[in-house]
Amino acid sequence: AYCTWWAAFDAARRDIAERGPLVPGRSSA
């Protein structure tokens, strides 16, 4: 469980590092 959550944390961390904390929205709103 710990290692699985580490992988989830790492994937999110990488995405934030790549795309930043703000991303283009997908809806017209």
Full PDB file with SEQRES, HELIX, SHEET, SSBOND, CRYST1, ORIGX, SCALE, CONECT and MASTER records, all heavy atoms in Angstrom:
SEQRES   1 A   29  ALA TYR CYS THR TRP TRP ALA ALA PHE ASP ALA ALA ARG          
SEQRES   2 A   29  ARG ASP ILE ALA GLU ARG GLY PRO LEU VAL PRO GLY ARG          
SEQRES   3 A   29  SER SER ALA                                                  
HELIX    1 AA1 TYR A    2  ARG A   19  1                                  18    
CRYST1    1.000    1.000    1.000  90.00  90.00  90.00 P 1           1          
ORIGX1      1.000000  0.000000  0.000000        0.00000                         
ORIGX2      0.000000  1.000000  0.000000        0.00000                         
ORIGX3      0.000000  0.000000  1.000000        0.00000                         
SCALE1      1.000000  0.000000  0.000000        0.00000                         
SCALE2      0.000000  1.000000  0.000000        0.00000                         
SCALE3      0.000000  0.000000  1.000000        0.00000                         
ATOM      1  N   ALA A   1       0.840  -1.204   0.000  1.00  0.00           N  
ATOM      2  CA  ALA A   1       0.000   0.000   0.000  1.00  0.00           C  
ATOM      3  C   ALA A   1       0.875   1.253   0.000  1.00  0.00           C  
ATOM      4  O   ALA A   1       0.626   2.198  -0.768  1.00  0.00           O  
ATOM      5  CB  ALA A   1      -0.937  -0.003   1.206  1.00  0.00           C  
ATOM      6  N   TYR A   2       1.901   1.269   0.845  1.00  0.00           N  
ATOM      7  CA  TYR A   2       2.802   2.420   0.900  1.00  0.00           C  
ATOM      8  C   TYR A   2       3.449   2.661  -0.467  1.00  0.00           C  
ATOM      9  O   TYR A   2       3.466   3.791  -0.973  1.00  0.00           O  
ATOM     10  CB  TYR A   2       3.877   2.200   1.968  1.00  0.00           C  
ATOM     11  CG  TYR A   2       4.909   3.292   2.003  1.00  0.00           C  
ATOM     12  CD1 TYR A   2       4.673   4.478   2.691  1.00  0.00           C  
ATOM     13  CD2 TYR A   2       6.113   3.156   1.318  1.00  0.00           C  
ATOM     14  CE1 TYR A   2       5.611   5.498   2.696  1.00  0.00           C  
ATOM     15  CE2 TYR A   2       7.053   4.170   1.324  1.00  0.00           C  
ATOM     16  CZ  TYR A   2       6.801   5.333   2.012  1.00  0.00           C  
ATOM     17  OH  TYR A   2       7.737   6.345   2.008  1.00  0.00           O  
ATOM     18  N   CYS A   3       3.971   1.607  -1.074  1.00  0.00           N  
ATOM     19  CA  CYS A   3       4.657   1.741  -2.365  1.00  0.00           C  
ATOM     20  C   CYS A   3       3.687   2.139  -3.477  1.00  0.00           C  
ATOM     21  O   CYS A   3       4.055   2.888  -4.388  1.00  0.00           O  
ATOM     22  CB  CYS A   3       5.383   0.447  -2.715  1.00  0.00           C  
ATOM     23  SG  CYS A   3       6.791   0.099  -1.635  1.00  0.00           S  
ATOM     24  N   THR A   4       2.448   1.665  -3.404  1.00  0.00           N  
ATOM     25  CA  THR A   4       1.436   2.039  -4.388  1.00  0.00           C  
ATOM     26  C   THR A   4       1.119   3.522  -4.288  1.00  0.00           C  
ATOM     27  O   THR A   4       1.046   4.229  -5.298  1.00  0.00           O  
ATOM     28  CB  THR A   4       0.161   1.203  -4.185  1.00  0.00           C  
ATOM     29  OG1 THR A   4       0.491  -0.183  -4.346  1.00  0.00           O  
ATOM     30  CG2 THR A   4      -0.925   1.589  -5.182  1.00  0.00           C  
ATOM     31  N   TRP A   5       0.954   4.011  -3.055  1.00  0.00           N  
ATOM     32  CA  TRP A   5       0.688   5.432  -2.870  1.00  0.00           C  
ATOM     33  C   TRP A   5       1.898   6.273  -3.248  1.00  0.00           C  
ATOM     34  O   TRP A   5       1.753   7.398  -3.724  1.00  0.00           O  
ATOM     35  CB  TRP A   5       0.216   5.728  -1.448  1.00  0.00           C  
ATOM     36  CG  TRP A   5      -1.221   5.357  -1.283  1.00  0.00           C  
ATOM     37  CD1 TRP A   5      -1.739   4.308  -0.586  1.00  0.00           C  
ATOM     38  CD2 TRP A   5      -2.340   6.026  -1.875  1.00  0.00           C  
ATOM     39  NE1 TRP A   5      -3.095   4.279  -0.700  1.00  0.00           N  
ATOM     40  CE2 TRP A   5      -3.497   5.327  -1.489  1.00  0.00           C  
ATOM     41  CE3 TRP A   5      -2.482   7.147  -2.686  1.00  0.00           C  
ATOM     42  CZ2 TRP A   5      -4.782   5.718  -1.885  1.00  0.00           C  
ATOM     43  CZ3 TRP A   5      -3.756   7.535  -3.088  1.00  0.00           C  
ATOM     44  CH2 TRP A   5      -4.873   6.826  -2.687  1.00  0.00           C  
ATOM     45  N   TRP A   6       3.097   5.726  -3.037  1.00  0.00           N  
ATOM     46  CA  TRP A   6       4.288   6.464  -3.470  1.00  0.00           C  
ATOM     47  C   TRP A   6       4.257   6.633  -4.986  1.00  0.00           C  
ATOM     48  O   TRP A   6       4.558   7.709  -5.512  1.00  0.00           O  
ATOM     49  CB  TRP A   6       5.586   5.759  -3.058  1.00  0.00           C  
ATOM     50  CG  TRP A   6       6.743   6.374  -3.767  1.00  0.00           C  
ATOM     51  CD1 TRP A   6       7.434   5.862  -4.817  1.00  0.00           C  
ATOM     52  CD2 TRP A   6       7.292   7.674  -3.539  1.00  0.00           C  
ATOM     53  NE1 TRP A   6       8.389   6.758  -5.249  1.00  0.00           N  
ATOM     54  CE2 TRP A   6       8.314   7.881  -4.478  1.00  0.00           C  
ATOM     55  CE3 TRP A   6       7.009   8.684  -2.631  1.00  0.00           C  
ATOM     56  CZ2 TRP A   6       9.062   9.053  -4.525  1.00  0.00           C  
ATOM     57  CZ3 TRP A   6       7.754   9.857  -2.684  1.00  0.00           C  
ATOM     58  CH2 TRP A   6       8.771  10.023  -3.627  1.00  0.00           C  
ATOM     59  N   ALA A   7       3.881   5.590  -5.708  1.00  0.00           N  
ATOM     60  CA  ALA A   7       3.818   5.667  -7.172  1.00  0.00           C  
ATOM     61  C   ALA A   7       2.780   6.701  -7.610  1.00  0.00           C  
ATOM     62  O   ALA A   7       3.013   7.471  -8.556  1.00  0.00           O  
ATOM     63  CB  ALA A   7       3.496   4.305  -7.763  1.00  0.00           C  
ATOM     64  N   ALA A   8       1.634   6.751  -6.927  1.00  0.00           N  
ATOM     65  CA  ALA A   8       0.600   7.740  -7.253  1.00  0.00           C  
ATOM     66  C   ALA A   8       1.113   9.153  -6.983  1.00  0.00           C  
ATOM     67  O   ALA A   8       0.905  10.077  -7.799  1.00  0.00           O  
ATOM     68  CB  ALA A   8      -0.665   7.465  -6.446  1.00  0.00           C  
ATOM     69  N   PHE A   9       1.785   9.338  -5.856  1.00  0.00           N  
ATOM     70  CA  PHE A   9       2.363  10.632  -5.506  1.00  0.00           C  
ATOM     71  C   PHE A   9       3.384  11.054  -6.562  1.00  0.00           C  
ATOM     72  O   PHE A   9       3.389  12.193  -7.031  1.00  0.00           O  
ATOM     73  CB  PHE A   9       3.026  10.544  -4.129  1.00  0.00           C  
ATOM     74  CG  PHE A   9       3.708  11.807  -3.692  1.00  0.00           C  
ATOM     75  CD1 PHE A   9       2.995  12.808  -3.039  1.00  0.00           C  
ATOM     76  CD2 PHE A   9       5.065  11.992  -3.916  1.00  0.00           C  
ATOM     77  CE1 PHE A   9       3.627  13.976  -2.633  1.00  0.00           C  
ATOM     78  CE2 PHE A   9       5.695  13.149  -3.522  1.00  0.00           C  
ATOM     79  CZ  PHE A   9       4.974  14.143  -2.875  1.00  0.00           C  
ATOM     80  N   ASP A  10       4.240  10.119  -6.955  1.00  0.00           N  
ATOM     81  CA  ASP A  10       5.294  10.414  -7.922  1.00  0.00           C  
ATOM     82  C   ASP A  10       4.707  10.771  -9.287  1.00  0.00           C  
ATOM     83  O   ASP A  10       5.191  11.702  -9.938  1.00  0.00           O  
ATOM     84  CB  ASP A  10       6.243   9.215  -8.037  1.00  0.00           C  
ATOM     85  CG  ASP A  10       7.451   9.525  -8.885  1.00  0.00           C  
ATOM     86  OD1 ASP A  10       8.177  10.495  -8.560  1.00  0.00           O  
ATOM     87  OD2 ASP A  10       7.662   8.814  -9.890  1.00  0.00           O  
ATOM     88  N   ALA A  11       3.658  10.066  -9.709  1.00  0.00           N  
ATOM     89  CA  ALA A  11       3.017  10.367 -10.997  1.00  0.00           C  
ATOM     90  C   ALA A  11       2.410  11.776 -10.970  1.00  0.00           C  
ATOM     91  O   ALA A  11       2.560  12.545 -11.934  1.00  0.00           O  
ATOM     92  CB  ALA A  11       1.946   9.331 -11.320  1.00  0.00           C  
ATOM     93  N   ALA A  12       1.738  12.120  -9.871  1.00  0.00           N  
ATOM     94  CA  ALA A  12       1.154  13.458  -9.749  1.00  0.00           C  
ATOM     95  C   ALA A  12       2.247  14.515  -9.710  1.00  0.00           C  
ATOM     96  O   ALA A  12       2.133  15.568 -10.355  1.00  0.00           O  
ATOM     97  CB  ALA A  12       0.282  13.525  -8.498  1.00  0.00           C  
ATOM     98  N   ARG A  13       3.312  14.238  -8.976  1.00  0.00           N  
ATOM     99  CA  ARG A  13       4.436  15.180  -8.881  1.00  0.00           C  
ATOM    100  C   ARG A  13       5.039  15.445 -10.257  1.00  0.00           C  
ATOM    101  O   ARG A  13       5.313  16.587 -10.633  1.00  0.00           O  
ATOM    102  CB  ARG A  13       5.498  14.636  -7.937  1.00  0.00           C  
ATOM    103  CG  ARG A  13       6.709  15.541  -7.760  1.00  0.00           C  
ATOM    104  CD  ARG A  13       7.847  14.818  -7.063  1.00  0.00           C  
ATOM    105  NE  ARG A  13       8.311  13.655  -7.791  1.00  0.00           N  
ATOM    106  CZ  ARG A  13       9.140  13.705  -8.852  1.00  0.00           C  
ATOM    107  NH1 ARG A  13       9.569  14.865  -9.313  1.00  0.00           N  
ATOM    108  NH2 ARG A  13       9.534  12.601  -9.448  1.00  0.00           N  
ATOM    109  N   ARG A  14       5.207  14.385 -11.025  1.00  0.00           N  
ATOM    110  CA  ARG A  14       5.786  14.531 -12.374  1.00  0.00           C  
ATOM    111  C   ARG A  14       4.875  15.350 -13.281  1.00  0.00           C  
ATOM    112  O   ARG A  14       5.341  16.177 -14.060  1.00  0.00           O  
ATOM    113  CB  ARG A  14       6.046  13.164 -12.991  1.00  0.00           C  
ATOM    114  CG  ARG A  14       7.208  12.424 -12.372  1.00  0.00           C  
ATOM    115  CD  ARG A  14       7.297  11.006 -12.958  1.00  0.00           C  
ATOM    116  NE  ARG A  14       8.253  10.209 -12.268  1.00  0.00           N  
ATOM    117  CZ  ARG A  14       9.500  10.017 -12.682  1.00  0.00           C  
ATOM    118  NH1 ARG A  14       9.915  10.572 -13.791  1.00  0.00           N  
ATOM    119  NH2 ARG A  14      10.308   9.259 -11.981  1.00  0.00           N  
ATOM    120  N   ASP A  15       3.565  15.101 -13.174  1.00  0.00           N  
ATOM    121  CA  ASP A  15       2.621  15.843 -14.008  1.00  0.00           C  
ATOM    122  C   ASP A  15       2.644  17.329 -13.658  1.00  0.00           C  
ATOM    123  O   ASP A  15       2.633  18.179 -14.549  1.00  0.00           O  
ATOM    124  CB  ASP A  15       1.205  15.280 -13.854  1.00  0.00           C  
ATOM    125  CG  ASP A  15       0.230  15.997 -14.756  1.00  0.00           C  
ATOM    126  OD1 ASP A  15       0.425  15.971 -15.994  1.00  0.00           O  
ATOM    127  OD2 ASP A  15      -0.726  16.599 -14.234  1.00  0.00           O  
ATOM    128  N   ILE A  16       2.686  17.650 -12.377  1.00  0.00           N  
ATOM    129  CA  ILE A  16       2.733  19.058 -11.960  1.00  0.00           C  
ATOM    130  C   ILE A  16       4.035  19.699 -12.428  1.00  0.00           C  
ATOM    131  O   ILE A  16       4.044  20.845 -12.879  1.00  0.00           O  
ATOM    132  CB  ILE A  16       2.560  19.184 -10.438  1.00  0.00           C  
ATOM    133  CG1 ILE A  16       1.153  18.731 -10.040  1.00  0.00           C  
ATOM    134  CG2 ILE A  16       2.823  20.607  -9.971  1.00  0.00           C  
ATOM    135  CD1 ILE A  16       0.965  18.517  -8.552  1.00  0.00           C  
ATOM    136  N   ALA A  17       5.129  18.958 -12.344  1.00  0.00           N  
ATOM    137  CA  ALA A  17       6.413  19.493 -12.809  1.00  0.00           C  
ATOM    138  C   ALA A  17       6.380  19.742 -14.317  1.00  0.00           C  
ATOM    139  O   ALA A  17       6.953  20.732 -14.806  1.00  0.00           O  
ATOM    140  CB  ALA A  17       7.540  18.524 -12.459  1.00  0.00           C  
ATOM    141  N   GLU A  18       5.693  18.883 -15.056  1.00  0.00           N  
ATOM    142  CA  GLU A  18       5.643  19.005 -16.516  1.00  0.00           C  
ATOM    143  C   GLU A  18       4.652  20.081 -16.970  1.00  0.00           C  
ATOM    144  O   GLU A  18       4.970  20.928 -17.796  1.00  0.00           O  
ATOM    145  CB  GLU A  18       5.253  17.659 -17.124  1.00  0.00           C  
ATOM    146  CG  GLU A  18       5.199  17.663 -18.640  1.00  0.00           C  
ATOM    147  CD  GLU A  18       4.765  16.327 -19.190  1.00  0.00           C  
ATOM    148  OE1 GLU A  18       5.252  15.284 -18.681  1.00  0.00           O  
ATOM    149  OE2 GLU A  18       3.948  16.318 -20.122  1.00  0.00           O  
ATOM    150  N   ARG A  19       3.430  20.048 -16.423  1.00  0.00           N  
ATOM    151  CA  ARG A  19       2.375  20.939 -16.909  1.00  0.00           C  
ATOM    152  C   ARG A  19       2.136  22.147 -16.020  1.00  0.00           C  
ATOM    153  O   ARG A  19       1.469  23.087 -16.427  1.00  0.00           O  
ATOM    154  CB  ARG A  19       1.064  20.170 -17.069  1.00  0.00           C  
ATOM    155  CG  ARG A  19       1.154  19.060 -18.098  1.00  0.00           C  
ATOM    156  CD  ARG A  19      -0.172  18.456 -18.467  1.00  0.00           C  
ATOM    157  NE  ARG A  19      -0.996  18.074 -17.337  1.00  0.00           N  
ATOM    158  CZ  ARG A  19      -2.323  18.035 -17.366  1.00  0.00           C  
ATOM    159  NH1 ARG A  19      -2.974  18.371 -18.449  1.00  0.00           N  
ATOM    160  NH2 ARG A  19      -3.014  17.657 -16.308  1.00  0.00           N  
ATOM    161  N   GLY A  20       2.617  22.113 -14.771  1.00  0.00           N  
ATOM    162  CA  GLY A  20       2.416  23.224 -13.861  1.00  0.00           C  
ATOM    163  C   GLY A  20       1.171  23.044 -13.010  1.00  0.00           C  
ATOM    164  O   GLY A  20       0.374  22.135 -13.234  1.00  0.00           O  
ATOM    165  N   PRO A  21       0.982  23.934 -12.027  1.00  0.00           N  
ATOM    166  CA  PRO A  21      -0.169  23.813 -11.128  1.00  0.00           C  
ATOM    167  C   PRO A  21      -1.492  24.245 -11.766  1.00  0.00           C  
ATOM    168  O   PRO A  21      -2.561  23.912 -11.274  1.00  0.00           O  
ATOM    169  CB  PRO A  21       0.194  24.712  -9.950  1.00  0.00           C  
ATOM    170  CG  PRO A  21       1.150  25.700 -10.517  1.00  0.00           C  
ATOM    171  CD  PRO A  21       1.891  24.995 -11.618  1.00  0.00           C  
ATOM    172  N   LEU A  22      -1.423  24.986 -12.864  1.00  0.00           N  
ATOM    173  CA  LEU A  22      -2.622  25.401 -13.593  1.00  0.00           C  
ATOM    174  C   LEU A  22      -2.559  24.832 -15.009  1.00  0.00           C  
ATOM    175  O   LEU A  22      -1.498  24.865 -15.656  1.00  0.00           O  
ATOM    176  CB  LEU A  22      -2.732  26.921 -13.648  1.00  0.00           C  
ATOM    177  CG  LEU A  22      -2.873  27.634 -12.302  1.00  0.00           C  
ATOM    178  CD1 LEU A  22      -2.840  29.143 -12.499  1.00  0.00           C  
ATOM    179  CD2 LEU A  22      -4.151  27.208 -11.600  1.00  0.00           C  
ATOM    180  N   VAL A  23      -3.708  24.337 -15.482  1.00  0.00           N  
ATOM    181  CA  VAL A  23      -3.778  23.747 -16.824  1.00  0.00           C  
ATOM    182  C   VAL A  23      -5.003  24.309 -17.540  1.00  0.00           C  
ATOM    183  O   VAL A  23      -5.941  24.795 -16.902  1.00  0.00           O  
ATOM    184  CB  VAL A  23      -3.866  22.197 -16.755  1.00  0.00           C  
ATOM    185  CG1 VAL A  23      -2.602  21.606 -16.142  1.00  0.00           C  
ATOM    186  CG2 VAL A  23      -5.094  21.748 -15.980  1.00  0.00           C  
ATOM    187  N   PRO A  24      -5.019  24.242 -18.865  1.00  0.00           N  
ATOM    188  CA  PRO A  24      -6.202  24.728 -19.594  1.00  0.00           C  
ATOM    189  C   PRO A  24      -7.428  23.889 -19.232  1.00  0.00           C  
ATOM    190  O   PRO A  24      -7.366  22.658 -19.185  1.00  0.00           O  
ATOM    191  CB  PRO A  24      -5.831  24.533 -21.068  1.00  0.00           C  
ATOM    192  CG  PRO A  24      -4.346  24.392 -21.088  1.00  0.00           C  
ATOM    193  CD  PRO A  24      -3.948  23.831 -19.764  1.00  0.00           C  
ATOM    194  N   GLY A  25      -8.546  24.578 -18.966  1.00  0.00           N  
ATOM    195  CA  GLY A  25      -9.794  23.882 -18.678  1.00  0.00           C  
ATOM    196  C   GLY A  25     -10.355  23.252 -19.936  1.00  0.00           C  
ATOM    197  O   GLY A  25      -9.982  23.615 -21.057  1.00  0.00           O  
ATOM    198  N   ARG A  26     -11.285  22.314 -19.747  1.00  0.00           N  
ATOM    199  CA  ARG A  26     -11.828  21.613 -20.905  1.00  0.00           C  
ATOM    200  C   ARG A  26     -13.258  22.027 -21.234  1.00  0.00           C  
ATOM    201  O   ARG A  26     -13.770  21.690 -22.283  1.00  0.00           O  
ATOM    202  CB  ARG A  26     -11.784  20.104 -20.664  1.00  0.00           C  
ATOM    203  CG  ARG A  26     -10.362  19.589 -20.480  1.00  0.00           C  
ATOM    204  CD  ARG A  26     -10.292  18.116 -20.387  1.00  0.00           C  
ATOM    205  NE  ARG A  26     -11.183  17.596 -19.351  1.00  0.00           N  
ATOM    206  CZ  ARG A  26     -11.180  16.361 -18.901  1.00  0.00           C  
ATOM    207  NH1 ARG A  26     -10.331  15.509 -19.407  1.00  0.00           N  
ATOM    208  NH2 ARG A  26     -12.020  15.979 -17.982  1.00  0.00           N  
ATOM    209  N   SER A  27     -13.900  22.762 -20.358  1.00  0.00           N  
ATOM    210  CA  SER A  27     -15.302  23.101 -20.608  1.00  0.00           C  
ATOM    211  C   SER A  27     -15.434  24.550 -21.069  1.00  0.00           C  
ATOM    212  O   SER A  27     -14.529  25.372 -20.915  1.00  0.00           O  
ATOM    213  CB  SER A  27     -16.129  22.887 -19.341  1.00  0.00           C  
ATOM    214  OG  SER A  27     -15.809  23.869 -18.381  1.00  0.00           O  
ATOM    215  N   SER A  28     -16.617  24.868 -21.625  1.00  0.00           N  
ATOM    216  CA  SER A  28     -16.874  26.243 -22.053  1.00  0.00           C  
ATOM    217  C   SER A  28     -16.953  27.167 -20.838  1.00  0.00           C  
ATOM    218  O   SER A  28     -16.596  28.345 -20.920  1.00  0.00           O  
ATOM    219  CB  SER A  28     -18.167  26.309 -22.869  1.00  0.00           C  
ATOM    220  OG  SER A  28     -19.249  25.807 -22.107  1.00  0.00           O  
ATOM    221  N   ALA A  29     -17.386  26.629 -19.696  1.00  0.00           N  
ATOM    222  CA  ALA A  29     -17.432  27.446 -18.472  1.00  0.00           C  
ATOM    223  C   ALA A  29     -16.025  27.846 -18.048  1.00  0.00           C  
ATOM    224  O   ALA A  29     -15.813  28.968 -17.584  1.00  0.00           O  
ATOM    225  CB  ALA A  29     -18.123  26.673 -17.356  1.00  0.00           C  
TER     226      ALA A  29                                                      
MASTER        0    0    0    1    0    0    0    6  225    1    0    3          
END                                                                             
